[in-house]
Amino acid sequence: MSVMHGLAATMAPVLFKAACPDCRSRFELSASALRLAIGASRRTTFYSFTCPECGSSVRKPAGERIVELLTGGGVRTLRLHTTV
């Protein structure tokens, strides 16, 4: 996952480079096409999207740097809470 910043006279939307593990397509996604879930551990922190090529639901782990890039790029975030 990487971020491409478009620079023009006005700020262009942020696009994220992604790849599908099923069909192996590579593509760019807008922030609205991604979802980020932040859990209490590395295992419960991930981002997800639907592959625009094959329609597969993709879920990938998100480390600190990915979380930083996605939140900074305007991706909707869900914070998961644990119950006691």
PDB file of N, CA and C in Angstrom:
ATOM      1  N   MET A   1       0.853  -1.165   0.000  1.00  0.00           N
ATOM      2  CA  MET A   1       0.000   0.000   0.000  1.00  0.00           C
ATOM      3  C   MET A   1       0.894   1.221   0.000  1.00  0.00           C
ATOM      4  N   SER A   2       0.641   2.110  -0.910  1.00  0.00           N
ATOM      5  CA  SER A   2       1.359   3.377  -0.932  1.00  0.00           C
ATOM      6  C   SER A   2       0.391   4.464  -1.336  1.00  0.00           C
ATOM      7  N   VAL A   3       0.800   5.704  -1.140  1.00  0.00           N
ATOM      8  CA  VAL A   3      -0.065   6.844  -1.402  1.00  0.00           C
ATOM      9  C   VAL A   3       0.509   7.663  -2.536  1.00  0.00           C
ATOM     10  N   MET A   4      -0.361   8.110  -3.417  1.00  0.00           N
ATOM     11  CA  MET A   4       0.039   9.023  -4.482  1.00  0.00           C
ATOM     12  C   MET A   4      -0.658  10.354  -4.225  1.00  0.00           C
ATOM     13  N   HIS A   5       0.101  11.407  -4.123  1.00  0.00           N
ATOM     14  CA  HIS A   5      -0.472  12.733  -3.926  1.00  0.00           C
ATOM     15  C   HIS A   5      -0.507  13.434  -5.276  1.00  0.00           C
ATOM     16  N   GLY A   6      -1.682  13.857  -5.700  1.00  0.00           N
ATOM     17  CA  GLY A   6      -1.790  14.614  -6.935  1.00  0.00           C
ATOM     18  C   GLY A   6      -1.641  16.089  -6.621  1.00  0.00           C
ATOM     19  N   LEU A   7      -0.725  16.750  -7.295  1.00  0.00           N
ATOM     20  CA  LEU A   7      -0.538  18.175  -7.069  1.00  0.00           C
ATOM     21  C   LEU A   7      -0.947  18.921  -8.323  1.00  0.00           C
ATOM     22  N   ALA A   8      -1.898  19.782  -8.175  1.00  0.00           N
ATOM     23  CA  ALA A   8      -2.369  20.611  -9.276  1.00  0.00           C
ATOM     24  C   ALA A   8      -2.680  21.974  -8.693  1.00  0.00           C
ATOM     25  N   ALA A   9      -3.365  22.809  -9.454  1.00  0.00           N
ATOM     26  CA  ALA A   9      -3.736  24.133  -8.956  1.00  0.00           C
ATOM     27  C   ALA A   9      -4.574  23.989  -7.685  1.00  0.00           C
ATOM     28  N   THR A  10      -5.403  22.955  -7.634  1.00  0.00           N
ATOM     29  CA  THR A  10      -6.146  22.654  -6.420  1.00  0.00           C
ATOM     30  C   THR A  10      -5.723  21.271  -5.964  1.00  0.00           C
ATOM     31  N   MET A  11      -5.964  20.967  -4.699  1.00  0.00           N
ATOM     32  CA  MET A  11      -5.576  19.660  -4.178  1.00  0.00           C
ATOM     33  C   MET A  11      -6.410  18.572  -4.836  1.00  0.00           C
ATOM     34  N   ALA A  12      -5.756  17.650  -5.486  1.00  0.00           N
ATOM     35  CA  ALA A  12      -6.438  16.503  -6.074  1.00  0.00           C
ATOM     36  C   ALA A  12      -6.680  15.478  -4.965  1.00  0.00           C
ATOM     37  N   PRO A  13      -7.670  14.618  -5.139  1.00  0.00           N
ATOM     38  CA  PRO A  13      -7.908  13.601  -4.117  1.00  0.00           C
ATOM     39  C   PRO A  13      -6.710  12.663  -3.988  1.00  0.00           C
ATOM     40  N   VAL A  14      -6.535  12.128  -2.798  1.00  0.00           N
ATOM     41  CA  VAL A  14      -5.460  11.181  -2.547  1.00  0.00           C
ATOM     42  C   VAL A  14      -5.882   9.832  -3.117  1.00  0.00           C
ATOM     43  N   LEU A  15      -4.969   9.180  -3.830  1.00  0.00           N
ATOM     44  CA  LEU A  15      -5.213   7.843  -4.350  1.00  0.00           C
ATOM     45  C   LEU A  15      -4.234   6.886  -3.703  1.00  0.00           C
ATOM     46  N   PHE A  16      -4.710   5.694  -3.396  1.00  0.00           N
ATOM     47  CA  PHE A  16      -3.893   4.670  -2.765  1.00  0.00           C
ATOM     48  C   PHE A  16      -3.648   3.544  -3.759  1.00  0.00           C
ATOM     49  N   LYS A  17      -2.392   3.136  -3.904  1.00  0.00           N
ATOM     50  CA  LYS A  17      -2.068   1.987  -4.738  1.00  0.00           C
ATOM     51  C   LYS A  17      -2.353   0.726  -3.940  1.00  0.00           C
ATOM     52  N   ALA A  18      -2.998  -0.240  -4.589  1.00  0.00           N
ATOM     53  CA  ALA A  18      -3.322  -1.497  -3.920  1.00  0.00           C
ATOM     54  C   ALA A  18      -3.226  -2.632  -4.924  1.00  0.00           C
ATOM     55  N   ALA A  19      -3.274  -3.847  -4.414  1.00  0.00           N
ATOM     56  CA  ALA A  19      -3.232  -5.032  -5.260  1.00  0.00           C
ATOM     57  C   ALA A  19      -4.157  -6.092  -4.680  1.00  0.00           C
ATOM     58  N   CYS A  20      -4.710  -6.905  -5.561  1.00  0.00           N
ATOM     59  CA  CYS A  20      -5.602  -7.986  -5.145  1.00  0.00           C
ATOM     60  C   CYS A  20      -4.807  -9.285  -5.064  1.00  0.00           C
ATOM     61  N   PRO A  21      -4.864  -9.969  -3.934  1.00  0.00           N
ATOM     62  CA  PRO A  21      -4.144 -11.242  -3.824  1.00  0.00           C
ATOM     63  C   PRO A  21      -4.795 -12.365  -4.638  1.00  0.00           C
ATOM     64  N   ASP A  22      -6.063 -12.210  -4.980  1.00  0.00           N
ATOM     65  CA  ASP A  22      -6.760 -13.257  -5.739  1.00  0.00           C
ATOM     66  C   ASP A  22      -6.457 -13.198  -7.232  1.00  0.00           C
ATOM     67  N   CYS A  23      -6.704 -12.047  -7.861  1.00  0.00           N
ATOM     68  CA  CYS A  23      -6.499 -11.936  -9.311  1.00  0.00           C
ATOM     69  C   CYS A  23      -5.161 -11.274  -9.664  1.00  0.00           C
ATOM     70  N   ARG A  24      -4.460 -10.787  -8.651  1.00  0.00           N
ATOM     71  CA  ARG A  24      -3.144 -10.145  -8.799  1.00  0.00           C
ATOM     72  C   ARG A  24      -3.169  -8.828  -9.582  1.00  0.00           C
ATOM     73  N   SER A  25      -4.328  -8.232  -9.723  1.00  0.00           N
ATOM     74  CA  SER A  25      -4.426  -6.926 -10.377  1.00  0.00           C
ATOM     75  C   SER A  25      -3.860  -5.853  -9.466  1.00  0.00           C
ATOM     76  N   ARG A  26      -3.320  -4.817 -10.091  1.00  0.00           N
ATOM     77  CA  ARG A  26      -2.831  -3.640  -9.363  1.00  0.00           C
ATOM     78  C   ARG A  26      -3.664  -2.463  -9.840  1.00  0.00           C
ATOM     79  N   PHE A  27      -4.022  -1.586  -8.899  1.00  0.00           N
ATOM     80  CA  PHE A  27      -4.918  -0.493  -9.226  1.00  0.00           C
ATOM     81  C   PHE A  27      -4.778   0.612  -8.198  1.00  0.00           C
ATOM     82  N   GLU A  28      -5.479   1.706  -8.410  1.00  0.00           N
ATOM     83  CA  GLU A  28      -5.527   2.823  -7.466  1.00  0.00           C
ATOM     84  C   GLU A  28      -6.938   2.941  -6.924  1.00  0.00           C
ATOM     85  N   LEU A  29      -7.031   3.233  -5.638  1.00  0.00           N
ATOM     86  CA  LEU A  29      -8.328   3.383  -4.980  1.00  0.00           C
ATOM     87  C   LEU A  29      -8.408   4.736  -4.288  1.00  0.00           C
ATOM     88  N   SER A  30      -9.582   5.317  -4.313  1.00  0.00           N
ATOM     89  CA  SER A  30      -9.805   6.558  -3.569  1.00  0.00           C
ATOM     90  C   SER A  30     -10.063   6.199  -2.108  1.00  0.00           C
ATOM     91  N   ALA A  31     -10.011   7.190  -1.248  1.00  0.00           N
ATOM     92  CA  ALA A  31     -10.236   6.964   0.184  1.00  0.00           C
ATOM     93  C   ALA A  31     -11.612   6.360   0.437  1.00  0.00           C
ATOM     94  N   SER A  32     -12.597   6.715  -0.366  1.00  0.00           N
ATOM     95  CA  SER A  32     -13.951   6.206  -0.152  1.00  0.00           C
ATOM     96  C   SER A  32     -14.082   4.715  -0.471  1.00  0.00           C
ATOM     97  N   ALA A  33     -13.125   4.148  -1.192  1.00  0.00           N
ATOM     98  CA  ALA A  33     -13.165   2.729  -1.546  1.00  0.00           C
ATOM     99  C   ALA A  33     -12.510   1.845  -0.492  1.00  0.00           C
ATOM    100  N   LEU A  34     -11.906   2.446   0.516  1.00  0.00           N
ATOM    101  CA  LEU A  34     -11.192   1.707   1.559  1.00  0.00           C
ATOM    102  C   LEU A  34     -11.870   1.877   2.910  1.00  0.00           C
ATOM    103  N   ARG A  35     -11.698   0.896   3.768  1.00  0.00           N
ATOM    104  CA  ARG A  35     -12.159   0.966   5.155  1.00  0.00           C
ATOM    105  C   ARG A  35     -11.003   0.532   6.038  1.00  0.00           C
ATOM    106  N   LEU A  36     -10.859   1.183   7.171  1.00  0.00           N
ATOM    107  CA  LEU A  36      -9.808   0.873   8.128  1.00  0.00           C
ATOM    108  C   LEU A  36     -10.452   0.522   9.458  1.00  0.00           C
ATOM    109  N   ALA A  37     -10.042  -0.605  10.032  1.00  0.00           N
ATOM    110  CA  ALA A  37     -10.514  -1.002  11.364  1.00  0.00           C
ATOM    111  C   ALA A  37      -9.302  -1.033  12.282  1.00  0.00           C
ATOM    112  N   ILE A  38      -9.401  -0.313  13.390  1.00  0.00           N
ATOM    113  CA  ILE A  38      -8.297  -0.267  14.355  1.00  0.00           C
ATOM    114  C   ILE A  38      -8.735  -0.998  15.616  1.00  0.00           C
ATOM    115  N   GLY A  39      -8.041  -2.081  15.892  1.00  0.00           N
ATOM    116  CA  GLY A  39      -8.350  -2.895  17.059  1.00  0.00           C
ATOM    117  C   GLY A  39      -7.319  -2.724  18.153  1.00  0.00           C
ATOM    118  N   ALA A  40      -7.413  -3.582  19.142  1.00  0.00           N
ATOM    119  CA  ALA A  40      -6.526  -3.500  20.297  1.00  0.00           C
ATOM    120  C   ALA A  40      -5.158  -4.118  20.024  1.00  0.00           C
ATOM    121  N   SER A  41      -5.027  -4.856  18.932  1.00  0.00           N
ATOM    122  CA  SER A  41      -3.752  -5.511  18.640  1.00  0.00           C
ATOM    123  C   SER A  41      -3.466  -5.454  17.139  1.00  0.00           C
ATOM    124  N   ARG A  42      -2.288  -5.926  16.761  1.00  0.00           N
ATOM    125  CA  ARG A  42      -1.925  -5.979  15.337  1.00  0.00           C
ATOM    126  C   ARG A  42      -2.865  -6.902  14.574  1.00  0.00           C
ATOM    127  N   ARG A  43      -3.319  -7.968  15.224  1.00  0.00           N
ATOM    128  CA  ARG A  43      -4.202  -8.941  14.569  1.00  0.00           C
ATOM    129  C   ARG A  43      -5.579  -8.377  14.277  1.00  0.00           C
ATOM    130  N   THR A  44      -5.986  -7.366  15.024  1.00  0.00           N
ATOM    131  CA  THR A  44      -7.326  -6.805  14.829  1.00  0.00           C
ATOM    132  C   THR A  44      -7.295  -5.424  14.185  1.00  0.00           C
ATOM    133  N   THR A  45      -6.165  -5.038  13.626  1.00  0.00           N
ATOM    134  CA  THR A  45      -6.053  -3.772  12.904  1.00  0.00           C
ATOM    135  C   THR A  45      -5.800  -4.105  11.437  1.00  0.00           C
ATOM    136  N   PHE A  46      -6.718  -3.686  10.571  1.00  0.00           N
ATOM    137  CA  PHE A  46      -6.635  -4.056   9.170  1.00  0.00           C
ATOM    138  C   PHE A  46      -7.362  -3.034   8.303  1.00  0.00           C
ATOM    139  N   TYR A  47      -7.096  -3.092   7.004  1.00  0.00           N
ATOM    140  CA  TYR A  47      -7.862  -2.304   6.044  1.00  0.00           C
ATOM    141  C   TYR A  47      -8.499  -3.270   5.057  1.00  0.00           C
ATOM    142  N   SER A  48      -9.585  -2.828   4.443  1.00  0.00           N
ATOM    143  CA  SER A  48     -10.282  -3.698   3.511  1.00  0.00           C
ATOM    144  C   SER A  48     -10.818  -2.886   2.336  1.00  0.00           C
ATOM    145  N   PHE A  49     -11.043  -3.608   1.247  1.00  0.00           N
ATOM    146  CA  PHE A  49     -11.605  -3.017   0.036  1.00  0.00           C
ATOM    147  C   PHE A  49     -12.131  -4.143  -0.839  1.00  0.00           C
ATOM    148  N   THR A  50     -12.905  -3.774  -1.846  1.00  0.00           N
ATOM    149  CA  THR A  50     -13.377  -4.725  -2.843  1.00  0.00           C
ATOM    150  C   THR A  50     -12.559  -4.512  -4.102  1.00  0.00           C
ATOM    151  N   CYS A  51     -12.015  -5.593  -4.640  1.00  0.00           N
ATOM    152  CA  CYS A  51     -11.197  -5.502  -5.848  1.00  0.00           C
ATOM    153  C   CYS A  51     -12.074  -5.031  -7.012  1.00  0.00           C
ATOM    154  N   PRO A  52     -11.686  -3.952  -7.676  1.00  0.00           N
ATOM    155  CA  PRO A  52     -12.495  -3.453  -8.790  1.00  0.00           C
ATOM    156  C   PRO A  52     -12.419  -4.356 -10.028  1.00  0.00           C
ATOM    157  N   GLU A  53     -11.462  -5.260 -10.077  1.00  0.00           N
ATOM    158  CA  GLU A  53     -11.300  -6.152 -11.231  1.00  0.00           C
ATOM    159  C   GLU A  53     -12.115  -7.436 -11.098  1.00  0.00           C
ATOM    160  N   CYS A  54     -11.969  -8.128  -9.946  1.00  0.00           N
ATOM    161  CA  CYS A  54     -12.629  -9.430  -9.798  1.00  0.00           C
ATOM    162  C   CYS A  54     -13.765  -9.438  -8.771  1.00  0.00           C
ATOM    163  N   GLY A  55     -13.917  -8.348  -7.997  1.00  0.00           N
ATOM    164  CA  GLY A  55     -14.996  -8.262  -7.020  1.00  0.00           C
ATOM    165  C   GLY A  55     -14.725  -8.953  -5.693  1.00  0.00           C
ATOM    166  N   SER A  56     -13.524  -9.477  -5.497  1.00  0.00           N
ATOM    167  CA  SER A  56     -13.181 -10.140  -4.231  1.00  0.00           C
ATOM    168  C   SER A  56     -13.101  -9.138  -3.090  1.00  0.00           C
ATOM    169  N   SER A  57     -13.532  -9.576  -1.917  1.00  0.00           N
ATOM    170  CA  SER A  57     -13.346  -8.779  -0.708  1.00  0.00           C
ATOM    171  C   SER A  57     -11.932  -9.031  -0.217  1.00  0.00           C
ATOM    172  N   VAL A  58     -11.178  -7.964  -0.024  1.00  0.00           N
ATOM    173  CA  VAL A  58      -9.777  -8.080   0.376  1.00  0.00           C
ATOM    174  C   VAL A  58      -9.609  -7.458   1.757  1.00  0.00           C
ATOM    175  N   ARG A  59      -8.904  -8.175   2.615  1.00  0.00           N
ATOM    176  CA  ARG A  59      -8.602  -7.684   3.966  1.00  0.00           C
ATOM    177  C   ARG A  59      -7.122  -7.888   4.199  1.00  0.00           C
ATOM    178  N   LYS A  60      -6.429  -6.807   4.568  1.00  0.00           N
ATOM    179  CA  LYS A  60      -4.988  -6.870   4.781  1.00  0.00           C
ATOM    180  C   LYS A  60      -4.629  -6.229   6.116  1.00  0.00           C
ATOM    181  N   PRO A  61      -3.586  -6.744   6.776  1.00  0.00           N
ATOM    182  CA  PRO A  61      -3.162  -6.149   8.050  1.00  0.00           C
ATOM    183  C   PRO A  61      -2.647  -4.727   7.839  1.00  0.00           C
ATOM    184  N   ALA A  62      -2.838  -3.903   8.849  1.00  0.00           N
ATOM    185  CA  ALA A  62      -2.387  -2.507   8.772  1.00  0.00           C
ATOM    186  C   ALA A  62      -1.491  -2.196   9.963  1.00  0.00           C
ATOM    187  N   GLY A  63      -0.218  -2.013   9.682  1.00  0.00           N
ATOM    188  CA  GLY A  63       0.721  -1.600  10.718  1.00  0.00           C
ATOM    189  C   GLY A  63       0.588  -0.102  10.964  1.00  0.00           C
ATOM    190  N   GLU A  64       1.425   0.405  11.839  1.00  0.00           N
ATOM    191  CA  GLU A  64       1.345   1.822  12.219  1.00  0.00           C
ATOM    192  C   GLU A  64       1.463   2.764  11.023  1.00  0.00           C
ATOM    193  N   ARG A  65       2.386   2.489  10.124  1.00  0.00           N
ATOM    194  CA  ARG A  65       2.600   3.373   8.968  1.00  0.00           C
ATOM    195  C   ARG A  65       1.387   3.369   8.037  1.00  0.00           C
ATOM    196  N   ILE A  66       0.797   2.206   7.800  1.00  0.00           N
ATOM    197  CA  ILE A  66      -0.390   2.114   6.945  1.00  0.00           C
ATOM    198  C   ILE A  66      -1.549   2.860   7.593  1.00  0.00           C
ATOM    199  N   VAL A  67      -1.726   2.692   8.893  1.00  0.00           N
ATOM    200  CA  VAL A  67      -2.792   3.412   9.608  1.00  0.00           C
ATOM    201  C   VAL A  67      -2.593   4.913   9.443  1.00  0.00           C
ATOM    202  N   GLU A  68      -1.363   5.367   9.593  1.00  0.00           N
ATOM    203  CA  GLU A  68      -1.045   6.789   9.447  1.00  0.00           C
ATOM    204  C   GLU A  68      -1.381   7.295   8.038  1.00  0.00           C
ATOM    205  N   LEU A  69      -0.975   6.540   7.015  1.00  0.00           N
ATOM    206  CA  LEU A  69      -1.252   6.938   5.633  1.00  0.00           C
ATOM    207  C   LEU A  69      -2.753   6.969   5.334  1.00  0.00           C
ATOM    208  N   LEU A  70      -3.461   5.940   5.767  1.00  0.00           N
ATOM    209  CA  LEU A  70      -4.894   5.853   5.474  1.00  0.00           C
ATOM    210  C   LEU A  70      -5.698   6.928   6.198  1.00  0.00           C
ATOM    211  N   THR A  71      -5.421   7.130   7.477  1.00  0.00           N
ATOM    212  CA  THR A  71      -6.166   8.159   8.210  1.00  0.00           C
ATOM    213  C   THR A  71      -5.839   9.546   7.674  1.00  0.00           C
ATOM    214  N   GLY A  72      -4.564   9.781   7.330  1.00  0.00           N
ATOM    215  CA  GLY A  72      -4.165  11.068   6.766  1.00  0.00           C
ATOM    216  C   GLY A  72      -4.773  11.326   5.403  1.00  0.00           C
ATOM    217  N   GLY A  73      -5.106  10.245   4.686  1.00  0.00           N
ATOM    218  CA  GLY A  73      -5.691  10.365   3.360  1.00  0.00           C
ATOM    219  C   GLY A  73      -7.208  10.394   3.361  1.00  0.00           C
ATOM    220  N   GLY A  74      -7.819  10.373   4.544  1.00  0.00           N
ATOM    221  CA  GLY A  74      -9.268  10.506   4.631  1.00  0.00           C
ATOM    222  C   GLY A  74     -10.064   9.214   4.582  1.00  0.00           C
ATOM    223  N   VAL A  75      -9.414   8.082   4.812  1.00  0.00           N
ATOM    224  CA  VAL A  75     -10.129   6.802   4.809  1.00  0.00           C
ATOM    225  C   VAL A  75     -10.981   6.695   6.067  1.00  0.00           C
ATOM    226  N   ARG A  76     -12.222   6.250   5.898  1.00  0.00           N
ATOM    227  CA  ARG A  76     -13.111   6.078   7.049  1.00  0.00           C
ATOM    228  C   ARG A  76     -12.561   5.019   7.983  1.00  0.00           C
ATOM    229  N   THR A  77     -12.606   5.323   9.275  1.00  0.00           N
ATOM    230  CA  THR A  77     -11.988   4.458  10.277  1.00  0.00           C
ATOM    231  C   THR A  77     -13.016   3.993  11.297  1.00  0.00           C
ATOM    232  N   LEU A  78     -12.941   2.709  11.610  1.00  0.00           N
ATOM    233  CA  LEU A  78     -13.778   2.119  12.638  1.00  0.00           C
ATOM    234  C   LEU A  78     -12.861   1.683  13.764  1.00  0.00           C
ATOM    235  N   ARG A  79     -13.112   2.167  14.968  1.00  0.00           N
ATOM    236  CA  ARG A  79     -12.309   1.756  16.118  1.00  0.00           C
ATOM    237  C   ARG A  79     -13.045   0.623  16.823  1.00  0.00           C
ATOM    238  N   LEU A  80     -12.385  -0.524  16.900  1.00  0.00           N
ATOM    239  CA  LEU A  80     -12.968  -1.696  17.531  1.00  0.00           C
ATOM    240  C   LEU A  80     -12.697  -1.643  19.030  1.00  0.00           C
ATOM    241  N   HIS A  81     -13.706  -1.925  19.818  1.00  0.00           N
ATOM    242  CA  HIS A  81     -13.562  -1.902  21.275  1.00  0.00           C
ATOM    243  C   HIS A  81     -13.696  -3.312  21.808  1.00  0.00           C
ATOM    244  N   THR A  82     -12.954  -3.597  22.851  1.00  0.00           N
ATOM    245  CA  THR A  82     -13.061  -4.891  23.496  1.00  0.00           C
ATOM    246  C   THR A  82     -14.049  -4.770  24.649  1.00  0.00           C
ATOM    247  N   THR A  83     -14.734  -5.866  24.956  1.00  0.00           N
ATOM    248  CA  THR A  83     -15.640  -5.864  26.098  1.00  0.00           C
ATOM    249  C   THR A  83     -15.000  -6.639  27.223  1.00  0.00           C
ATOM    250  N   VAL A  84     -15.302  -6.231  28.436  1.00  0.00           N
ATOM    251  CA  VAL A  84     -14.716  -6.865  29.625  1.00  0.00           C
ATOM    252  C   VAL A  84     -15.655  -7.893  30.172  1.00  0.00           C
TER     253      VAL A  84
END
